[in-house]
């Protein structure tokens, strides 16, 4: 169960970084925005690993001898991508209107890595539905907090959150490979 909690925390760091950015740019109606961001991000962060998990079930007979290596590679790539993106300078994100369509796009974009990570959920000794709930709920809480941190000068947390999430995913990948 500890692995799922750590995975949930790591996967939510992308959503946390984006939520901080949303809080920085949208300071009116903060309670409503924080709730919408948390609901969108939490839902998709739980849905995408389920899709990855289902994909794994279909491939299980073909890849069961290599599942730890594949999980390691996926988590390594996701983690390194998060670390790389933390250092990218995205000036295009300065101004945007937070419509439901934009929020949906952001929620899907921040949870795509969770779909790949969902492949590894069968390696943990925990009920899949409990795992998905933990991932979604963790992301909900962290995203909600992220919007508030962003509204209070959160520029300094954005990059650190993405780096931390990336490092944690890489470490989980190594743990799966070695143990």
N, C-alpha and C. Protein backbone atom coordinates (compact mmCIF):
# COMPACT_ATOMS: atom_id res chain seq x y z
N UNK A 1 0.83 -1.20 0.00
CA UNK A 1 0.00 0.00 0.00
C UNK A 1 0.87 1.26 0.00
N UNK A 2 2.00 1.19 0.66
CA UNK A 2 2.90 2.34 0.70
C UNK A 2 3.34 2.73 -0.71
N UNK A 3 3.60 1.71 -1.54
CA UNK A 3 4.02 1.98 -2.92
C UNK A 3 2.95 2.75 -3.68
N UNK A 4 1.69 2.40 -3.47
CA UNK A 4 0.59 3.08 -4.17
C UNK A 4 0.48 4.53 -3.67
N UNK A 5 0.65 4.74 -2.38
CA UNK A 5 0.61 6.11 -1.85
C UNK A 5 1.74 6.96 -2.43
N UNK A 6 2.92 6.38 -2.51
CA UNK A 6 4.06 7.11 -3.08
C UNK A 6 3.83 7.36 -4.56
N UNK A 7 3.32 6.35 -5.28
CA UNK A 7 3.01 6.51 -6.70
C UNK A 7 1.96 7.60 -6.89
N UNK A 8 0.93 7.60 -6.07
CA UNK A 8 -0.13 8.61 -6.16
C UNK A 8 0.45 10.01 -5.96
N UNK A 9 1.30 10.15 -4.99
CA UNK A 9 1.93 11.44 -4.72
C UNK A 9 2.79 11.87 -5.91
N UNK A 10 3.60 10.96 -6.42
CA UNK A 10 4.47 11.29 -7.55
C UNK A 10 3.67 11.66 -8.80
N UNK A 11 2.64 10.87 -9.09
CA UNK A 11 1.83 11.16 -10.28
C UNK A 11 1.08 12.48 -10.15
N UNK A 12 0.75 12.87 -8.94
CA UNK A 12 -0.01 14.10 -8.76
C UNK A 12 0.85 15.36 -8.88
N UNK A 13 2.16 15.21 -8.97
CA UNK A 13 3.04 16.38 -9.03
C UNK A 13 2.86 17.19 -10.31
N UNK A 14 2.59 16.53 -11.43
CA UNK A 14 2.28 17.27 -12.67
C UNK A 14 1.04 18.12 -12.47
N UNK A 15 0.00 17.49 -11.93
CA UNK A 15 -1.25 18.22 -11.69
C UNK A 15 -1.03 19.34 -10.68
N UNK A 16 -0.21 19.09 -9.67
CA UNK A 16 0.11 20.10 -8.66
C UNK A 16 0.78 21.31 -9.31
N UNK A 17 1.76 21.05 -10.17
CA UNK A 17 2.46 22.15 -10.83
C UNK A 17 1.51 22.97 -11.70
N UNK A 18 0.64 22.29 -12.44
CA UNK A 18 -0.32 23.01 -13.29
C UNK A 18 -1.34 23.75 -12.42
N UNK A 19 -1.77 23.14 -11.32
CA UNK A 19 -2.72 23.80 -10.41
C UNK A 19 -2.11 25.07 -9.82
N UNK A 20 -0.84 25.02 -9.50
CA UNK A 20 -0.16 26.23 -9.02
C UNK A 20 -0.22 27.31 -10.09
N UNK A 21 0.08 26.93 -11.33
CA UNK A 21 0.02 27.88 -12.43
C UNK A 21 -1.37 28.47 -12.61
N UNK A 22 -2.38 27.65 -12.45
CA UNK A 22 -3.76 28.13 -12.56
C UNK A 22 -4.06 29.11 -11.43
N UNK A 23 -3.60 28.81 -10.23
CA UNK A 23 -3.80 29.71 -9.10
C UNK A 23 -3.09 31.03 -9.28
N UNK A 24 -1.92 31.00 -9.90
CA UNK A 24 -1.16 32.23 -10.17
C UNK A 24 -1.94 33.12 -11.12
N UNK A 25 -2.56 32.52 -12.12
CA UNK A 25 -3.22 33.28 -13.19
C UNK A 25 -4.68 33.60 -12.91
N UNK A 26 -5.31 32.89 -11.98
CA UNK A 26 -6.74 33.06 -11.72
C UNK A 26 -6.97 33.25 -10.22
N UNK A 27 -7.12 34.47 -9.80
CA UNK A 27 -7.27 34.72 -8.36
C UNK A 27 -8.70 35.09 -7.97
N UNK A 28 -9.58 35.21 -8.95
CA UNK A 28 -10.99 35.47 -8.65
C UNK A 28 -11.72 34.14 -8.56
N UNK A 29 -12.76 34.08 -7.73
CA UNK A 29 -13.54 32.85 -7.54
C UNK A 29 -12.65 31.66 -7.20
N UNK A 30 -11.73 31.86 -6.31
CA UNK A 30 -10.70 30.87 -6.01
C UNK A 30 -11.28 29.54 -5.52
N UNK A 31 -12.32 29.57 -4.70
CA UNK A 31 -12.90 28.33 -4.19
C UNK A 31 -13.49 27.49 -5.32
N UNK A 32 -14.20 28.13 -6.22
CA UNK A 32 -14.82 27.42 -7.35
C UNK A 32 -13.74 26.88 -8.29
N UNK A 33 -12.75 27.71 -8.60
CA UNK A 33 -11.68 27.27 -9.49
C UNK A 33 -10.91 26.11 -8.86
N UNK A 34 -10.58 26.21 -7.58
CA UNK A 34 -9.84 25.14 -6.91
C UNK A 34 -10.63 23.83 -6.93
N UNK A 35 -11.92 23.90 -6.69
CA UNK A 35 -12.76 22.71 -6.69
C UNK A 35 -12.85 22.10 -8.09
N UNK A 36 -13.05 22.94 -9.12
CA UNK A 36 -13.12 22.43 -10.49
C UNK A 36 -11.80 21.78 -10.90
N UNK A 37 -10.69 22.43 -10.61
CA UNK A 37 -9.38 21.90 -10.96
C UNK A 37 -9.17 20.56 -10.25
N UNK A 38 -9.48 20.50 -8.97
CA UNK A 38 -9.30 19.27 -8.19
C UNK A 38 -10.18 18.14 -8.73
N UNK A 39 -11.43 18.44 -9.07
CA UNK A 39 -12.32 17.41 -9.61
C UNK A 39 -11.84 16.89 -10.96
N UNK A 40 -11.50 17.79 -11.87
CA UNK A 40 -11.03 17.38 -13.20
C UNK A 40 -9.74 16.56 -13.07
N UNK A 41 -8.76 17.09 -12.35
CA UNK A 41 -7.47 16.43 -12.25
C UNK A 41 -7.59 15.11 -11.49
N UNK A 42 -8.32 15.09 -10.39
CA UNK A 42 -8.48 13.87 -9.61
C UNK A 42 -9.17 12.77 -10.41
N UNK A 43 -10.23 13.13 -11.14
CA UNK A 43 -10.96 12.15 -11.94
C UNK A 43 -10.06 11.52 -13.01
N UNK A 44 -9.38 12.36 -13.78
CA UNK A 44 -8.56 11.82 -14.87
C UNK A 44 -7.31 11.13 -14.36
N UNK A 45 -6.80 11.57 -13.22
CA UNK A 45 -5.63 10.90 -12.66
C UNK A 45 -6.01 9.51 -12.15
N UNK A 46 -7.26 9.27 -11.84
CA UNK A 46 -7.73 7.93 -11.46
C UNK A 46 -8.14 7.11 -12.69
N UNK A 47 -8.71 7.76 -13.68
CA UNK A 47 -9.19 7.06 -14.88
C UNK A 47 -8.03 6.53 -15.73
N UNK A 48 -7.03 7.33 -15.94
CA UNK A 48 -5.95 6.94 -16.85
C UNK A 48 -5.16 5.71 -16.38
N UNK A 49 -4.84 5.58 -15.09
CA UNK A 49 -4.17 4.34 -14.68
C UNK A 49 -5.05 3.11 -14.89
N UNK A 50 -6.36 3.29 -14.77
CA UNK A 50 -7.28 2.19 -15.00
C UNK A 50 -7.20 1.74 -16.46
N UNK A 51 -7.12 2.69 -17.36
CA UNK A 51 -6.97 2.36 -18.79
C UNK A 51 -5.65 1.62 -19.01
N UNK A 52 -4.57 2.10 -18.39
CA UNK A 52 -3.29 1.41 -18.49
C UNK A 52 -3.33 0.02 -17.90
N UNK A 53 -4.01 -0.12 -16.78
CA UNK A 53 -4.17 -1.42 -16.13
C UNK A 53 -4.93 -2.39 -17.04
N UNK A 54 -6.02 -1.91 -17.65
CA UNK A 54 -6.79 -2.76 -18.56
C UNK A 54 -5.96 -3.17 -19.77
N UNK A 55 -5.15 -2.25 -20.28
CA UNK A 55 -4.26 -2.58 -21.39
C UNK A 55 -3.28 -3.67 -21.01
N UNK A 56 -2.82 -3.63 -19.80
CA UNK A 56 -1.88 -4.65 -19.31
C UNK A 56 -2.55 -6.02 -19.25
N UNK A 57 -3.80 -6.05 -18.83
CA UNK A 57 -4.51 -7.34 -18.75
C UNK A 57 -4.56 -8.01 -20.12
N UNK A 58 -4.80 -7.23 -21.16
CA UNK A 58 -4.85 -7.78 -22.52
C UNK A 58 -3.51 -8.28 -23.01
N UNK A 59 -2.44 -7.71 -22.51
CA UNK A 59 -1.10 -8.08 -22.96
C UNK A 59 -0.38 -9.03 -22.01
N UNK A 60 -1.00 -9.34 -20.88
CA UNK A 60 -0.31 -10.05 -19.80
C UNK A 60 0.34 -11.35 -20.26
N UNK A 61 -0.34 -12.16 -21.04
CA UNK A 61 0.21 -13.44 -21.47
C UNK A 61 1.46 -13.26 -22.33
N UNK A 62 1.54 -12.16 -23.05
CA UNK A 62 2.66 -11.94 -23.96
C UNK A 62 3.89 -11.34 -23.27
N UNK A 63 3.65 -10.60 -22.19
CA UNK A 63 4.77 -9.84 -21.61
C UNK A 63 5.07 -10.17 -20.15
N UNK A 64 4.45 -11.21 -19.60
CA UNK A 64 4.61 -11.44 -18.16
C UNK A 64 6.06 -11.71 -17.77
N UNK A 65 6.89 -12.20 -18.66
CA UNK A 65 8.29 -12.42 -18.33
C UNK A 65 9.09 -11.12 -18.32
N UNK A 66 8.54 -10.09 -18.90
CA UNK A 66 9.25 -8.81 -19.02
C UNK A 66 8.53 -7.67 -18.31
N UNK A 67 7.49 -7.96 -17.54
CA UNK A 67 6.66 -6.89 -17.00
C UNK A 67 7.41 -5.93 -16.08
N UNK A 68 8.37 -6.44 -15.31
CA UNK A 68 9.13 -5.55 -14.42
C UNK A 68 10.04 -4.62 -15.23
N UNK A 69 10.63 -5.15 -16.27
CA UNK A 69 11.50 -4.33 -17.11
C UNK A 69 10.69 -3.26 -17.83
N UNK A 70 9.52 -3.65 -18.34
CA UNK A 70 8.66 -2.69 -19.04
C UNK A 70 8.17 -1.60 -18.08
N UNK A 71 7.74 -2.00 -16.88
CA UNK A 71 7.29 -1.03 -15.88
C UNK A 71 8.43 -0.08 -15.52
N UNK A 72 9.64 -0.63 -15.35
CA UNK A 72 10.80 0.20 -15.04
C UNK A 72 11.04 1.22 -16.15
N UNK A 73 11.05 0.76 -17.39
CA UNK A 73 11.31 1.66 -18.52
C UNK A 73 10.25 2.75 -18.61
N UNK A 74 8.98 2.37 -18.46
CA UNK A 74 7.90 3.37 -18.52
C UNK A 74 8.03 4.40 -17.41
N UNK A 75 8.25 3.95 -16.18
CA UNK A 75 8.37 4.89 -15.06
C UNK A 75 9.62 5.75 -15.19
N UNK A 76 10.71 5.16 -15.68
CA UNK A 76 11.93 5.93 -15.91
C UNK A 76 11.69 7.03 -16.94
N UNK A 77 11.07 6.67 -18.04
CA UNK A 77 10.81 7.66 -19.10
C UNK A 77 9.85 8.75 -18.62
N UNK A 78 8.81 8.37 -17.90
CA UNK A 78 7.86 9.36 -17.38
C UNK A 78 8.56 10.30 -16.41
N UNK A 79 9.35 9.73 -15.50
CA UNK A 79 10.06 10.54 -14.52
C UNK A 79 11.05 11.49 -15.16
N UNK A 80 11.83 10.99 -16.10
CA UNK A 80 12.79 11.85 -16.79
C UNK A 80 12.09 12.94 -17.60
N UNK A 81 10.95 12.61 -18.19
CA UNK A 81 10.17 13.61 -18.93
C UNK A 81 9.69 14.71 -17.99
N UNK A 82 9.22 14.33 -16.80
CA UNK A 82 8.76 15.33 -15.83
C UNK A 82 9.92 16.24 -15.41
N UNK A 83 11.08 15.66 -15.17
CA UNK A 83 12.24 16.45 -14.77
C UNK A 83 12.65 17.39 -15.91
N UNK A 84 12.66 16.88 -17.14
CA UNK A 84 13.00 17.71 -18.30
C UNK A 84 12.03 18.89 -18.44
N UNK A 85 10.73 18.58 -18.33
CA UNK A 85 9.72 19.63 -18.50
C UNK A 85 9.78 20.68 -17.39
N UNK A 86 10.30 20.30 -16.24
CA UNK A 86 10.44 21.26 -15.13
C UNK A 86 11.44 22.36 -15.50
N UNK A 87 12.40 22.03 -16.36
CA UNK A 87 13.42 23.00 -16.73
C UNK A 87 13.09 23.74 -18.02
N UNK A 88 12.04 23.31 -18.72
CA UNK A 88 11.61 24.03 -19.93
C UNK A 88 10.98 25.35 -19.54
N UNK A 89 11.20 26.36 -20.35
CA UNK A 89 10.62 27.67 -20.09
C UNK A 89 9.43 27.85 -21.01
N UNK A 90 8.22 27.69 -20.47
CA UNK A 90 7.00 27.80 -21.26
C UNK A 90 6.37 29.17 -21.11
N UNK A 91 6.80 30.09 -21.96
CA UNK A 91 6.26 31.44 -21.92
C UNK A 91 4.84 31.49 -22.49
N UNK A 92 4.47 30.48 -23.29
CA UNK A 92 3.14 30.45 -23.91
C UNK A 92 2.03 30.29 -22.89
N UNK A 93 2.35 29.80 -21.69
CA UNK A 93 1.33 29.52 -20.69
C UNK A 93 0.98 30.73 -19.83
N UNK A 94 1.51 31.89 -20.15
CA UNK A 94 1.31 33.05 -19.29
C UNK A 94 -0.16 33.48 -19.21
N UNK A 95 -0.84 33.59 -20.34
CA UNK A 95 -2.21 34.06 -20.35
C UNK A 95 -3.13 33.01 -20.97
N UNK A 96 -4.14 32.62 -20.25
CA UNK A 96 -5.15 31.75 -20.81
C UNK A 96 -6.42 31.89 -20.01
N UNK A 97 -7.53 31.60 -20.69
CA UNK A 97 -8.84 31.67 -20.06
C UNK A 97 -9.20 30.24 -19.63
N UNK A 98 -9.49 30.06 -18.37
CA UNK A 98 -9.74 28.72 -17.82
C UNK A 98 -11.18 28.29 -18.09
N UNK A 99 -11.44 27.83 -19.30
CA UNK A 99 -12.75 27.28 -19.65
C UNK A 99 -12.75 25.79 -19.31
N UNK A 100 -13.92 25.17 -19.35
CA UNK A 100 -14.00 23.72 -19.10
C UNK A 100 -13.20 22.94 -20.14
N UNK A 101 -13.19 23.43 -21.37
CA UNK A 101 -12.44 22.77 -22.44
C UNK A 101 -10.93 22.82 -22.14
N UNK A 102 -10.45 23.97 -21.72
CA UNK A 102 -9.04 24.11 -21.35
C UNK A 102 -8.72 23.22 -20.16
N UNK A 103 -9.60 23.21 -19.18
CA UNK A 103 -9.40 22.39 -17.98
C UNK A 103 -9.39 20.90 -18.32
N UNK A 104 -10.28 20.49 -19.20
CA UNK A 104 -10.31 19.10 -19.65
C UNK A 104 -9.00 18.73 -20.35
N UNK A 105 -8.53 19.61 -21.22
CA UNK A 105 -7.27 19.36 -21.92
C UNK A 105 -6.11 19.25 -20.94
N UNK A 106 -6.05 20.15 -19.97
CA UNK A 106 -4.99 20.11 -18.97
C UNK A 106 -5.08 18.84 -18.12
N UNK A 107 -6.29 18.44 -17.76
CA UNK A 107 -6.48 17.23 -16.94
C UNK A 107 -6.01 15.99 -17.69
N UNK A 108 -6.34 15.91 -18.96
CA UNK A 108 -5.90 14.76 -19.77
C UNK A 108 -4.39 14.79 -19.94
N UNK A 109 -3.85 15.96 -20.26
CA UNK A 109 -2.41 16.08 -20.49
C UNK A 109 -1.59 15.71 -19.25
N UNK A 110 -2.05 16.13 -18.08
CA UNK A 110 -1.29 15.84 -16.86
C UNK A 110 -1.48 14.40 -16.39
N UNK A 111 -2.45 13.69 -16.94
CA UNK A 111 -2.69 12.32 -16.49
C UNK A 111 -2.25 11.26 -17.49
N UNK A 112 -1.69 11.66 -18.62
CA UNK A 112 -1.22 10.67 -19.59
C UNK A 112 -0.11 9.81 -19.01
N UNK A 113 0.76 10.40 -18.21
CA UNK A 113 1.80 9.60 -17.59
C UNK A 113 1.20 8.60 -16.61
N UNK A 114 0.07 8.93 -16.02
CA UNK A 114 -0.60 8.01 -15.10
C UNK A 114 -1.12 6.78 -15.84
N UNK A 115 -1.48 6.96 -17.12
CA UNK A 115 -1.93 5.81 -17.90
C UNK A 115 -0.78 4.81 -18.06
N UNK A 116 0.40 5.31 -18.37
CA UNK A 116 1.55 4.42 -18.49
C UNK A 116 1.90 3.79 -17.14
N UNK A 117 1.80 4.57 -16.08
CA UNK A 117 2.09 4.04 -14.74
C UNK A 117 1.06 3.00 -14.32
N UNK A 118 -0.16 3.11 -14.84
CA UNK A 118 -1.21 2.14 -14.52
C UNK A 118 -0.84 0.74 -14.93
N UNK A 119 0.04 0.63 -15.89
CA UNK A 119 0.52 -0.68 -16.30
C UNK A 119 1.16 -1.42 -15.13
N UNK A 120 1.82 -0.69 -14.24
CA UNK A 120 2.55 -1.33 -13.15
C UNK A 120 1.68 -1.63 -11.93
N UNK A 121 0.42 -1.23 -11.94
CA UNK A 121 -0.42 -1.43 -10.76
C UNK A 121 -0.61 -2.90 -10.38
N UNK A 122 -0.54 -3.79 -11.36
CA UNK A 122 -0.70 -5.21 -11.02
C UNK A 122 0.48 -5.75 -10.21
N UNK A 123 1.59 -5.01 -10.19
CA UNK A 123 2.76 -5.45 -9.45
C UNK A 123 2.65 -5.17 -7.95
N UNK A 124 1.70 -4.31 -7.57
CA UNK A 124 1.50 -4.00 -6.16
C UNK A 124 0.43 -4.94 -5.60
N UNK A 125 0.58 -5.33 -4.38
CA UNK A 125 -0.35 -6.26 -3.76
C UNK A 125 -1.48 -5.49 -3.09
N UNK A 126 -2.32 -4.86 -3.91
CA UNK A 126 -3.43 -4.06 -3.39
C UNK A 126 -4.56 -4.07 -4.43
N UNK A 127 -5.76 -3.97 -3.98
CA UNK A 127 -6.93 -3.94 -4.86
C UNK A 127 -6.83 -2.79 -5.85
N UNK A 128 -7.10 -3.06 -7.12
CA UNK A 128 -6.97 -2.05 -8.18
C UNK A 128 -7.89 -0.86 -7.92
N UNK A 129 -9.10 -1.11 -7.47
CA UNK A 129 -10.04 -0.01 -7.26
C UNK A 129 -9.62 0.87 -6.09
N UNK A 130 -9.05 0.27 -5.07
CA UNK A 130 -8.51 1.05 -3.95
C UNK A 130 -7.32 1.88 -4.43
N UNK A 131 -6.48 1.28 -5.27
CA UNK A 131 -5.34 2.01 -5.83
C UNK A 131 -5.81 3.22 -6.62
N UNK A 132 -6.82 3.03 -7.47
CA UNK A 132 -7.33 4.14 -8.29
C UNK A 132 -7.94 5.23 -7.42
N UNK A 133 -8.65 4.82 -6.37
CA UNK A 133 -9.23 5.80 -5.45
C UNK A 133 -8.12 6.61 -4.78
N UNK A 134 -7.08 5.93 -4.31
CA UNK A 134 -5.97 6.62 -3.65
C UNK A 134 -5.30 7.60 -4.60
N UNK A 135 -5.07 7.19 -5.83
CA UNK A 135 -4.44 8.07 -6.82
C UNK A 135 -5.33 9.28 -7.10
N UNK A 136 -6.62 9.04 -7.35
CA UNK A 136 -7.54 10.14 -7.65
C UNK A 136 -7.73 11.08 -6.48
N UNK A 137 -7.90 10.53 -5.28
CA UNK A 137 -8.11 11.36 -4.09
C UNK A 137 -6.87 12.18 -3.75
N UNK A 138 -5.71 11.55 -3.85
CA UNK A 138 -4.45 12.26 -3.60
C UNK A 138 -4.31 13.43 -4.56
N UNK A 139 -4.58 13.18 -5.83
CA UNK A 139 -4.47 14.24 -6.82
C UNK A 139 -5.50 15.33 -6.56
N UNK A 140 -6.71 14.95 -6.16
CA UNK A 140 -7.74 15.93 -5.83
C UNK A 140 -7.24 16.88 -4.75
N UNK A 141 -6.75 16.33 -3.65
CA UNK A 141 -6.29 17.14 -2.52
C UNK A 141 -5.10 18.01 -2.92
N UNK A 142 -4.13 17.40 -3.57
CA UNK A 142 -2.91 18.14 -3.93
C UNK A 142 -3.21 19.23 -4.96
N UNK A 143 -4.10 18.97 -5.90
CA UNK A 143 -4.47 19.99 -6.89
C UNK A 143 -5.21 21.15 -6.23
N UNK A 144 -6.10 20.83 -5.32
CA UNK A 144 -6.85 21.86 -4.59
C UNK A 144 -5.88 22.78 -3.85
N UNK A 145 -4.94 22.17 -3.15
CA UNK A 145 -3.93 22.94 -2.42
C UNK A 145 -3.07 23.74 -3.39
N UNK A 146 -2.74 23.13 -4.54
CA UNK A 146 -1.91 23.80 -5.54
C UNK A 146 -2.50 25.11 -6.04
N UNK A 147 -3.80 25.13 -6.27
CA UNK A 147 -4.45 26.36 -6.73
C UNK A 147 -4.28 27.46 -5.67
N UNK A 148 -4.47 27.11 -4.42
CA UNK A 148 -4.32 28.10 -3.34
C UNK A 148 -2.88 28.56 -3.19
N UNK A 149 -1.92 27.63 -3.29
CA UNK A 149 -0.52 28.03 -3.21
C UNK A 149 -0.16 28.96 -4.36
N UNK A 150 -0.67 28.63 -5.55
CA UNK A 150 -0.40 29.48 -6.71
C UNK A 150 -0.95 30.88 -6.54
N UNK A 151 -2.10 30.99 -5.94
CA UNK A 151 -2.71 32.32 -5.75
C UNK A 151 -1.93 33.15 -4.74
N UNK A 152 -1.10 32.50 -3.96
CA UNK A 152 -0.31 33.20 -2.94
C UNK A 152 1.18 33.18 -3.28
N UNK A 153 1.49 33.39 -4.55
CA UNK A 153 2.89 33.50 -4.96
C UNK A 153 3.58 32.17 -5.14
N UNK A 154 2.92 31.22 -5.78
CA UNK A 154 3.43 29.87 -5.89
C UNK A 154 4.42 29.61 -7.00
N UNK A 155 4.91 30.64 -7.68
CA UNK A 155 5.85 30.41 -8.77
C UNK A 155 7.06 29.59 -8.32
N UNK A 156 7.46 29.76 -7.07
CA UNK A 156 8.65 29.07 -6.57
C UNK A 156 8.43 27.57 -6.35
N UNK A 157 7.18 27.11 -6.30
CA UNK A 157 6.89 25.70 -6.04
C UNK A 157 6.71 24.88 -7.31
N UNK A 158 6.37 25.53 -8.40
CA UNK A 158 6.01 24.84 -9.64
C UNK A 158 7.11 23.88 -10.11
N UNK A 159 8.30 24.40 -10.31
CA UNK A 159 9.40 23.60 -10.83
C UNK A 159 9.80 22.50 -9.84
N UNK A 160 9.85 22.83 -8.56
CA UNK A 160 10.26 21.85 -7.55
C UNK A 160 9.29 20.68 -7.49
N UNK A 161 8.00 20.94 -7.66
CA UNK A 161 7.00 19.88 -7.63
C UNK A 161 7.21 18.90 -8.78
N UNK A 162 7.46 19.42 -9.97
CA UNK A 162 7.67 18.55 -11.12
C UNK A 162 8.95 17.73 -10.98
N UNK A 163 10.01 18.35 -10.48
CA UNK A 163 11.27 17.61 -10.28
C UNK A 163 11.08 16.51 -9.25
N UNK A 164 10.45 16.82 -8.13
CA UNK A 164 10.21 15.83 -7.08
C UNK A 164 9.39 14.66 -7.61
N UNK A 165 8.33 14.95 -8.34
CA UNK A 165 7.50 13.89 -8.91
C UNK A 165 8.29 13.01 -9.86
N UNK A 166 9.12 13.61 -10.70
CA UNK A 166 9.94 12.84 -11.63
C UNK A 166 10.93 11.94 -10.93
N UNK A 167 11.60 12.47 -9.92
CA UNK A 167 12.58 11.68 -9.16
C UNK A 167 11.89 10.50 -8.47
N UNK A 168 10.73 10.73 -7.89
CA UNK A 168 10.00 9.66 -7.20
C UNK A 168 9.61 8.56 -8.18
N UNK A 169 9.13 8.93 -9.37
CA UNK A 169 8.76 7.92 -10.36
C UNK A 169 9.97 7.09 -10.79
N UNK A 170 11.11 7.74 -10.97
CA UNK A 170 12.32 7.01 -11.34
C UNK A 170 12.70 6.03 -10.23
N UNK A 171 12.62 6.47 -8.98
CA UNK A 171 12.95 5.60 -7.86
C UNK A 171 11.99 4.41 -7.74
N UNK A 172 10.70 4.65 -7.98
CA UNK A 172 9.73 3.55 -7.96
C UNK A 172 10.06 2.55 -9.07
N UNK A 173 10.45 3.07 -10.23
CA UNK A 173 10.85 2.19 -11.34
C UNK A 173 12.03 1.30 -10.95
N UNK A 174 13.03 1.87 -10.31
CA UNK A 174 14.18 1.09 -9.85
C UNK A 174 13.76 0.05 -8.81
N UNK A 175 12.86 0.43 -7.91
CA UNK A 175 12.40 -0.51 -6.89
C UNK A 175 11.70 -1.71 -7.54
N UNK A 176 10.85 -1.44 -8.53
CA UNK A 176 10.14 -2.52 -9.22
C UNK A 176 11.14 -3.43 -9.94
N UNK A 177 12.13 -2.84 -10.56
CA UNK A 177 13.11 -3.63 -11.31
C UNK A 177 13.98 -4.49 -10.40
N UNK A 178 14.37 -3.96 -9.26
CA UNK A 178 15.35 -4.64 -8.42
C UNK A 178 14.73 -5.59 -7.39
N UNK A 179 13.46 -5.42 -7.04
CA UNK A 179 12.89 -6.24 -5.97
C UNK A 179 11.72 -7.06 -6.44
